[in-house]
Each structure stands twice: as structure tokens, then as C-alpha cells.
Amino acid sequence: MSEFFGTAHRQLQDEHGTRRLADRLEELAHAAFEPQERDFIQCVRMFFLSTVDAHGQPTVSYKGGAPGFVRTVGASELVFPNYDGNGMFMTLGNIAECARVGLLFIDFERPHRLRVHGTARITKDEELLSLYPGADCVVHVTAAQIFVNCGRYIHQDPSKLSPHVPDAEGQQPFPAWKRLNVFDGALPLADAHHVEEAGGTIPFEEYSGEANPAPALMPHKAN
């Protein structure tokens, strides 16, 4: 039984031939932060937080602060402060009603995205509050699923498009992450063929990100 996918997800995956890839990505999801994920999270200056209200209406908010304002405090736990806002208390009110949250961390330089799904609670623990002068409370998140997303559509320079955005003819570079050996045997046939043309699979240590697509991987027809 998948924790990620329902009937509609499966129908779309089957339509596009990506069920095996989706399953592989779910297999790679984990509940404990890996060292590089801890380092990344604790260096960010912003992230996006999704919460759900009592009516089931989701909302997304931007959270920003000095590097270190998000801290990992356990194998699957992180905290961040709540500062003075507009008085609506959308985020805190939603968390009080429904603990489920989603966090999206973005590295605009690499580019890279990390998602965290889990549950949150509000705390006024004095020890945690002492870490955040000016905060009125702290949000404590326990992660259930931690996983990466393809970062190729992140615009590194706000004045320029990502090189992966399809052109007027629908052509785009083939994503290097699909060459990672952890996805061997899980890709749709067309993507597997592109991997062969590009020279085969690569270990994660050779993955350089998606910022500068290699000429050998171009062009690729966008789905």
C-alpha cells in the first residue's frame, strides 16, 4: 500500500508510463534527516510551509529568517520560530486544527529542492524560545517523509528562465538526474533510451545538478 499515491495518481502515472519511477522515488523517501539534508536545512534563509484549516482548505506561507532559524533537533525533528505577523494566525491556527504540514526548501544556486511531510505542534518551551529572540512561540515538526524533487525548473536568476523550460517547439535538455543509477530499471522506455545515448547511468557522486545541461543531453521532447 502506497503512502504517497492514490487512484488518481496511479491513473496519471500509468498514462505517462512513470509508475515504476514513482515507486522508486517513494522507496527513496525516508523519515530521518541525512547529514547533507541537515546541513542544507540549517543554512536556509527561507522556506515554504503548507498547512490545512478545519474546512480542509490548504494554504501556503513563506517563512524567512537568518541562516539557522530552522534547526534539526532530532533524527526526524526540526523547529522554527513564529515571529510577529499580520494577526491572522493562519499558520498557527491551522496547525492547532490539523497537525499535517508540508515544507518545501529550495536551493536556488544548485538548484535543488527538498520536501518534508509530517506533523507539527506549537510549543512555548523556554529552552527553544531562548534560541529565537523576538519569537512568540516555536513550531516543532516531526517528519514522516523526506524526499527530494527535481530542481531543473528553478530559476537561478530571477531575470532569466531555467535552461530546462521547454522551448517554442517543446524541446528541452534531458535531466541529468534520470541518469542516476538508483533509477536504473525504473524509467519509462523513452527515458531509458536517452540515458543510453548519454553514456549510461552515473553514481550520485558524479551528479552535478541541473544548472548547466550537458550538450550531449539535448534536445529532449517535453512530456
C-alpha atoms as a PDB file:
ATOM      1  CA  MET A   1       0.000   0.000   0.000  1.00  0.00           C
ATOM      2  CA  SER A   2       1.476   3.320  -1.064  1.00  0.00           C
ATOM      3  CA  GLU A   3       1.595   6.182   1.418  1.00  0.00           C
ATOM      4  CA  PHE A   4       2.120   8.653  -1.414  1.00  0.00           C
ATOM      5  CA  PHE A   5      -0.221   7.640  -4.203  1.00  0.00           C
ATOM      6  CA  GLY A   6      -3.959   7.166  -4.629  1.00  0.00           C
ATOM      7  CA  THR A   7      -6.104   6.071  -7.555  1.00  0.00           C
ATOM      8  CA  ALA A   8      -5.823   9.364  -9.464  1.00  0.00           C
ATOM      9  CA  HIS A   9      -2.026   9.404  -9.072  1.00  0.00           C
ATOM     10  CA  ARG A  10      -1.808   5.857 -10.394  1.00  0.00           C
ATOM     11  CA  GLN A  11      -4.014   6.614 -13.387  1.00  0.00           C
ATOM     12  CA  LEU A  12      -1.787   9.527 -14.397  1.00  0.00           C
ATOM     13  CA  GLN A  13       1.399   7.517 -13.798  1.00  0.00           C
ATOM     14  CA  ASP A  14       0.108   4.694 -15.955  1.00  0.00           C
ATOM     15  CA  GLU A  15      -0.960   7.152 -18.650  1.00  0.00           C
ATOM     16  CA  HIS A  16       2.575   8.560 -18.815  1.00  0.00           C
ATOM     17  CA  GLY A  17       4.439   5.320 -18.099  1.00  0.00           C
ATOM     18  CA  THR A  18       6.018   6.561 -14.854  1.00  0.00           C
ATOM     19  CA  ARG A  19       4.593   4.147 -12.241  1.00  0.00           C
ATOM     20  CA  ARG A  20       7.925   2.363 -11.715  1.00  0.00           C
ATOM     21  CA  LEU A  21       9.748   5.680 -11.420  1.00  0.00           C
ATOM     22  CA  ALA A  22       7.167   6.957  -8.933  1.00  0.00           C
ATOM     23  CA  ASP A  23       7.545   3.777  -6.874  1.00  0.00           C
ATOM     24  CA  ARG A  24      11.321   4.131  -6.904  1.00  0.00           C
ATOM     25  CA  LEU A  25      11.056   7.733  -5.704  1.00  0.00           C
ATOM     26  CA  GLU A  26       8.727   6.677  -2.899  1.00  0.00           C
ATOM     27  CA  GLU A  27      11.192   3.964  -1.904  1.00  0.00           C
ATOM     28  CA  LEU A  28      13.892   6.632  -1.602  1.00  0.00           C
ATOM     29  CA  ALA A  29      11.761   8.731   0.772  1.00  0.00           C
ATOM     30  CA  HIS A  30      12.838   8.461   4.408  1.00  0.00           C
ATOM     31  CA  ALA A  31      11.827   9.646   7.861  1.00  0.00           C
ATOM     32  CA  ALA A  32      15.231  10.616   9.303  1.00  0.00           C
ATOM     33  CA  PHE A  33      17.272  13.555   8.035  1.00  0.00           C
ATOM     34  CA  GLU A  34      20.515  12.625   6.318  1.00  0.00           C
ATOM     35  CA  PRO A  35      23.646  14.679   7.155  1.00  0.00           C
ATOM     36  CA  GLN A  36      23.592  16.694   3.915  1.00  0.00           C
ATOM     37  CA  GLU A  37      19.888  17.434   4.438  1.00  0.00           C
ATOM     38  CA  ARG A  38      20.558  18.722   7.956  1.00  0.00           C
ATOM     39  CA  ASP A  39      23.318  20.973   6.657  1.00  0.00           C
ATOM     40  CA  PHE A  40      21.101  22.307   3.892  1.00  0.00           C
ATOM     41  CA  ILE A  41      18.111  22.988   6.150  1.00  0.00           C
ATOM     42  CA  GLN A  42      20.177  24.732   8.796  1.00  0.00           C
ATOM     43  CA  CYS A  43      21.670  27.110   6.216  1.00  0.00           C
ATOM     44  CA  VAL A  44      18.448  28.250   4.548  1.00  0.00           C
ATOM     45  CA  ARG A  45      17.071  31.779   4.879  1.00  0.00           C
ATOM     46  CA  MET A  46      13.564  30.872   3.721  1.00  0.00           C
ATOM     47  CA  PHE A  47      11.182  28.033   3.046  1.00  0.00           C
ATOM     48  CA  PHE A  48       7.527  27.494   2.133  1.00  0.00           C
ATOM     49  CA  LEU A  49       5.081  25.924   4.572  1.00  0.00           C
ATOM     50  CA  SER A  50       1.718  24.376   3.677  1.00  0.00           C
ATOM     51  CA  THR A  51      -0.998  23.877   6.292  1.00  0.00           C
ATOM     52  CA  VAL A  52      -4.663  22.882   6.222  1.00  0.00           C
ATOM     53  CA  ASP A  53      -7.562  24.518   8.058  1.00  0.00           C
ATOM     54  CA  ALA A  54     -10.591  22.921   9.721  1.00  0.00           C
ATOM     55  CA  HIS A  55     -12.514  23.043   6.424  1.00  0.00           C
ATOM     56  CA  GLY A  56      -9.797  21.191   4.517  1.00  0.00           C
ATOM     57  CA  GLN A  57      -8.649  24.360   2.743  1.00  0.00           C
ATOM     58  CA  PRO A  58      -4.861  24.316   2.220  1.00  0.00           C
ATOM     59  CA  THR A  59      -2.734  27.438   2.330  1.00  0.00           C
ATOM     60  CA  VAL A  60       0.945  28.102   1.730  1.00  0.00           C
ATOM     61  CA  SER A  61       3.065  30.648   3.576  1.00  0.00           C
ATOM     62  CA  TYR A  62       6.574  31.956   3.205  1.00  0.00           C
ATOM     63  CA  LYS A  63       8.837  31.701   6.249  1.00  0.00           C
ATOM     64  CA  GLY A  64      12.097  33.626   6.388  1.00  0.00           C
ATOM     65  CA  GLY A  65      14.870  34.363   8.861  1.00  0.00           C
ATOM     66  CA  ALA A  66      18.596  34.425   9.401  1.00  0.00           C
ATOM     67  CA  PRO A  67      20.537  31.267   8.474  1.00  0.00           C
ATOM     68  CA  GLY A  68      19.972  28.816  11.302  1.00  0.00           C
ATOM     69  CA  PHE A  69      16.396  29.880  12.011  1.00  0.00           C
ATOM     70  CA  VAL A  70      15.361  26.335  11.052  1.00  0.00           C
ATOM     71  CA  ARG A  71      17.123  23.789  13.246  1.00  0.00           C
ATOM     72  CA  THR A  72      17.078  19.996  13.239  1.00  0.00           C
ATOM     73  CA  VAL A  73      16.698  18.846  16.841  1.00  0.00           C
ATOM     74  CA  GLY A  74      16.316  15.116  16.373  1.00  0.00           C
ATOM     75  CA  ALA A  75      16.603  12.355  13.813  1.00  0.00           C
ATOM     76  CA  SER A  76      13.241  13.315  12.313  1.00  0.00           C
ATOM     77  CA  GLU A  77      12.562  16.625  14.044  1.00  0.00           C
ATOM     78  CA  LEU A  78      13.053  20.277  13.224  1.00  0.00           C
ATOM     79  CA  VAL A  79      11.952  23.576  14.752  1.00  0.00           C
ATOM     80  CA  PHE A  80      11.450  27.133  13.534  1.00  0.00           C
ATOM     81  CA  PRO A  81      10.222  30.325  15.228  1.00  0.00           C
ATOM     82  CA  ASN A  82       6.990  32.209  14.801  1.00  0.00           C
ATOM     83  CA  TYR A  83       7.535  35.962  14.685  1.00  0.00           C
ATOM     84  CA  ASP A  84       5.038  38.821  14.799  1.00  0.00           C
ATOM     85  CA  GLY A  85       2.830  38.867  11.692  1.00  0.00           C
ATOM     86  CA  ASN A  86      -0.428  40.349  10.475  1.00  0.00           C
ATOM     87  CA  GLY A  87      -2.504  38.978  13.338  1.00  0.00           C
ATOM     88  CA  MET A  88      -4.453  36.451  11.262  1.00  0.00           C
ATOM     89  CA  PHE A  89      -2.535  33.482  12.714  1.00  0.00           C
ATOM     90  CA  MET A  90      -3.316  31.426   9.638  1.00  0.00           C
ATOM     91  CA  THR A  91      -0.356  29.095  10.098  1.00  0.00           C
ATOM     92  CA  LEU A  92      -0.630  28.599  13.849  1.00  0.00           C
ATOM     93  CA  GLY A  93      -4.412  28.329  13.735  1.00  0.00           C
ATOM     94  CA  ASN A  94      -4.239  25.723  11.008  1.00  0.00           C
ATOM     95  CA  ILE A  95      -1.620  23.722  12.895  1.00  0.00           C
ATOM     96  CA  ALA A  96      -3.799  23.814  16.011  1.00  0.00           C
ATOM     97  CA  GLU A  97      -6.723  22.460  13.949  1.00  0.00           C
ATOM     98  CA  CYS A  98      -4.826  20.000  11.747  1.00  0.00           C
ATOM     99  CA  ALA A  99      -1.283  18.948  12.531  1.00  0.00           C
ATOM    100  CA  ARG A 100      -0.397  17.855   8.991  1.00  0.00           C
ATOM    101  CA  VAL A 101       2.145  20.088   7.265  1.00  0.00           C
ATOM    102  CA  GLY A 102       4.367  20.173   4.192  1.00  0.00           C
ATOM    103  CA  LEU A 103       7.659  22.064   3.983  1.00  0.00           C
ATOM    104  CA  LEU A 104       9.484  22.972   0.780  1.00  0.00           C
ATOM    105  CA  PHE A 105      13.138  24.035   0.964  1.00  0.00           C
ATOM    106  CA  ILE A 106      14.746  25.458  -2.180  1.00  0.00           C
ATOM    107  CA  ASP A 107      18.401  25.939  -3.067  1.00  0.00           C
ATOM    108  CA  PHE A 108      18.371  28.496  -5.884  1.00  0.00           C
ATOM    109  CA  GLU A 109      22.098  28.162  -6.577  1.00  0.00           C
ATOM    110  CA  ARG A 110      22.490  24.454  -7.170  1.00  0.00           C
ATOM    111  CA  PRO A 111      19.399  24.218  -7.889  1.00  0.00           C
ATOM    112  CA  HIS A 112      17.810  21.722  -5.503  1.00  0.00           C
ATOM    113  CA  ARG A 113      14.508  21.119  -3.702  1.00  0.00           C
ATOM    114  CA  LEU A 114      13.807  19.169  -0.507  1.00  0.00           C
ATOM    115  CA  ARG A 115      10.317  18.321   0.698  1.00  0.00           C
ATOM    116  CA  VAL A 116       9.289  17.351   4.218  1.00  0.00           C
ATOM    117  CA  HIS A 117       5.865  15.919   5.051  1.00  0.00           C
ATOM    118  CA  GLY A 118       4.909  15.453   8.678  1.00  0.00           C
ATOM    119  CA  THR A 119       3.035  16.762  11.673  1.00  0.00           C
ATOM    120  CA  ALA A 120       3.532  19.977  13.620  1.00  0.00           C
ATOM    121  CA  ARG A 121       2.756  21.312  17.063  1.00  0.00           C
ATOM    122  CA  ILE A 122       3.129  24.691  18.742  1.00  0.00           C
ATOM    123  CA  THR A 123       5.385  24.971  21.765  1.00  0.00           C
ATOM    124  CA  LYS A 124       6.450  27.706  24.154  1.00  0.00           C
ATOM    125  CA  ASP A 125       9.294  25.670  25.602  1.00  0.00           C
ATOM    126  CA  GLU A 126      11.616  28.202  27.260  1.00  0.00           C
ATOM    127  CA  GLU A 127      14.775  26.486  26.076  1.00  0.00           C
ATOM    128  CA  LEU A 128      13.631  26.592  22.452  1.00  0.00           C
ATOM    129  CA  LEU A 129      12.313  30.158  22.745  1.00  0.00           C
ATOM    130  CA  SER A 130      15.703  31.260  24.057  1.00  0.00           C
ATOM    131  CA  LEU A 131      17.157  30.309  20.663  1.00  0.00           C
ATOM    132  CA  TYR A 132      14.909  32.823  18.899  1.00  0.00           C
ATOM    133  CA  PRO A 133      14.835  36.343  20.373  1.00  0.00           C
ATOM    134  CA  GLY A 134      11.616  38.044  19.327  1.00  0.00           C
ATOM    135  CA  ALA A 135       9.664  34.848  18.715  1.00  0.00           C
ATOM    136  CA  ASP A 136       6.311  34.361  20.430  1.00  0.00           C
ATOM    137  CA  CYS A 137       6.390  30.582  20.052  1.00  0.00           C
ATOM    138  CA  VAL A 138       8.178  27.793  18.226  1.00  0.00           C
ATOM    139  CA  VAL A 139       6.780  25.285  15.737  1.00  0.00           C
ATOM    140  CA  HIS A 140       8.037  21.726  16.210  1.00  0.00           C
ATOM    141  CA  VAL A 141       7.778  19.430  13.179  1.00  0.00           C
ATOM    142  CA  THR A 142       8.138  15.654  13.187  1.00  0.00           C
ATOM    143  CA  ALA A 143       8.901  14.373   9.700  1.00  0.00           C
ATOM    144  CA  ALA A 144       7.190  11.323   8.238  1.00  0.00           C
ATOM    145  CA  GLN A 145       8.526  11.542   4.678  1.00  0.00           C
ATOM    146  CA  ILE A 146      11.609  13.407   3.497  1.00  0.00           C
ATOM    147  CA  PHE A 147      12.330  13.380  -0.215  1.00  0.00           C
ATOM    148  CA  VAL A 148      13.934  15.402  -2.992  1.00  0.00           C
ATOM    149  CA  ASN A 149      12.281  16.896  -6.061  1.00  0.00           C
ATOM    150  CA  CYS A 150      13.699  17.619  -9.477  1.00  0.00           C
ATOM    151  CA  GLY A 151      15.101  21.151  -9.332  1.00  0.00           C
ATOM    152  CA  ARG A 152      15.561  21.781 -13.041  1.00  0.00           C
ATOM    153  CA  TYR A 153      12.744  24.353 -13.335  1.00  0.00           C
ATOM    154  CA  ILE A 154      14.088  26.566 -10.564  1.00  0.00           C
ATOM    155  CA  HIS A 155      15.117  29.942 -11.981  1.00  0.00           C
ATOM    156  CA  GLN A 156      18.558  30.688 -10.548  1.00  0.00           C
ATOM    157  CA  ASP A 157      18.491  34.241 -11.858  1.00  0.00           C
ATOM    158  CA  PRO A 158      15.023  35.879 -11.487  1.00  0.00           C
ATOM    159  CA  SER A 159      15.647  37.764 -14.748  1.00  0.00           C
ATOM    160  CA  LYS A 160      16.304  34.552 -16.712  1.00  0.00           C
ATOM    161  CA  LEU A 161      14.420  31.332 -17.280  1.00  0.00           C
ATOM    162  CA  SER A 162      15.751  27.952 -16.276  1.00  0.00           C
ATOM    163  CA  PRO A 163      17.534  26.293 -19.231  1.00  0.00           C
ATOM    164  CA  HIS A 164      15.131  23.376 -18.775  1.00  0.00           C
ATOM    165  CA  VAL A 165      11.969  25.300 -19.659  1.00  0.00           C
ATOM    166  CA  PRO A 166      10.695  23.793 -22.957  1.00  0.00           C
ATOM    167  CA  ASP A 167      11.284  25.994 -25.993  1.00  0.00           C
ATOM    168  CA  ALA A 168       8.702  27.008 -28.603  1.00  0.00           C
ATOM    169  CA  GLU A 169       8.995  23.573 -30.222  1.00  0.00           C
ATOM    170  CA  GLY A 170       8.647  21.725 -26.917  1.00  0.00           C
ATOM    171  CA  GLN A 171      12.332  20.764 -26.795  1.00  0.00           C
ATOM    172  CA  GLN A 172      14.303  20.754 -23.544  1.00  0.00           C
ATOM    173  CA  PRO A 173      17.531  19.243 -22.195  1.00  0.00           C
ATOM    174  CA  PHE A 174      17.332  15.720 -20.834  1.00  0.00           C
ATOM    175  CA  PRO A 175      17.527  15.884 -16.999  1.00  0.00           C
ATOM    176  CA  ALA A 176      20.770  14.531 -15.618  1.00  0.00           C
ATOM    177  CA  TRP A 177      19.078  13.136 -12.511  1.00  0.00           C
ATOM    178  CA  LYS A 178      17.433  10.483 -14.663  1.00  0.00           C
ATOM    179  CA  ARG A 179      20.926   9.099 -15.313  1.00  0.00           C
ATOM    180  CA  LEU A 180      21.462   8.349 -11.610  1.00  0.00           C
ATOM    181  CA  ASN A 181      21.957   4.618 -11.133  1.00  0.00           C
ATOM    182  CA  VAL A 182      19.314   4.473  -8.376  1.00  0.00           C
ATOM    183  CA  PHE A 183      16.702   4.923 -11.129  1.00  0.00           C
ATOM    184  CA  ASP A 184      18.082   2.194 -13.379  1.00  0.00           C
ATOM    185  CA  GLY A 185      15.223  -0.078 -14.415  1.00  0.00           C
ATOM    186  CA  ALA A 186      12.538   2.348 -13.227  1.00  0.00           C
ATOM    187  CA  LEU A 187      12.437   4.847 -16.099  1.00  0.00           C
ATOM    188  CA  PRO A 188       9.951   4.833 -18.987  1.00  0.00           C
ATOM    189  CA  LEU A 189      11.429   3.242 -22.106  1.00  0.00           C
ATOM    190  CA  ALA A 190      11.969   6.551 -23.920  1.00  0.00           C
ATOM    191  CA  ASP A 191      13.901   7.963 -20.959  1.00  0.00           C
ATOM    192  CA  ALA A 192      15.933   4.770 -20.619  1.00  0.00           C
ATOM    193  CA  HIS A 193      16.898   5.161 -24.283  1.00  0.00           C
ATOM    194  CA  HIS A 194      18.031   8.755 -23.657  1.00  0.00           C
ATOM    195  CA  VAL A 195      20.171   7.521 -20.748  1.00  0.00           C
ATOM    196  CA  GLU A 196      21.894   5.022 -23.048  1.00  0.00           C
ATOM    197  CA  GLU A 197      22.513   7.730 -25.647  1.00  0.00           C
ATOM    198  CA  ALA A 198      24.022   9.970 -22.975  1.00  0.00           C
ATOM    199  CA  GLY A 199      26.530   7.310 -21.934  1.00  0.00           C
ATOM    200  CA  GLY A 200      24.640   5.256 -19.396  1.00  0.00           C
ATOM    201  CA  THR A 201      23.974   5.629 -15.708  1.00  0.00           C
ATOM    202  CA  ILE A 202      26.134   7.555 -13.228  1.00  0.00           C
ATOM    203  CA  PRO A 203      26.658   7.316  -9.457  1.00  0.00           C
ATOM    204  CA  PHE A 204      25.360  10.114  -7.270  1.00  0.00           C
ATOM    205  CA  GLU A 205      28.930  11.358  -6.741  1.00  0.00           C
ATOM    206  CA  GLU A 206      29.082  12.313 -10.421  1.00  0.00           C
ATOM    207  CA  TYR A 207      25.774  14.168 -10.415  1.00  0.00           C
ATOM    208  CA  SER A 208      26.474  17.876 -10.849  1.00  0.00           C
ATOM    209  CA  GLY A 209      22.910  19.155 -10.742  1.00  0.00           C
ATOM    210  CA  GLU A 210      20.759  20.602 -13.484  1.00  0.00           C
ATOM    211  CA  ALA A 211      22.063  24.173 -13.701  1.00  0.00           C
ATOM    212  CA  ASN A 212      24.194  23.641 -16.814  1.00  0.00           C
ATOM    213  CA  PRO A 213      22.776  20.872 -19.007  1.00  0.00           C
ATOM    214  CA  ALA A 214      25.380  18.938 -20.925  1.00  0.00           C
ATOM    215  CA  PRO A 215      25.151  19.410 -24.729  1.00  0.00           C
ATOM    216  CA  ALA A 216      25.109  15.636 -25.139  1.00  0.00           C
ATOM    217  CA  LEU A 217      21.751  15.501 -23.366  1.00  0.00           C
ATOM    218  CA  MET A 218      19.973  17.904 -25.732  1.00  0.00           C
ATOM    219  CA  PRO A 219      17.402  18.056 -27.142  1.00  0.00           C
ATOM    220  CA  HIS A 220      14.561  16.142 -25.466  1.00  0.00           C
ATOM    221  CA  LYS A 221      10.869  16.365 -26.238  1.00  0.00           C
ATOM    222  CA  ALA A 222       8.974  17.511 -23.153  1.00  0.00           C
ATOM    223  CA  ASN A 223       6.117  15.296 -21.973  1.00  0.00           C
END
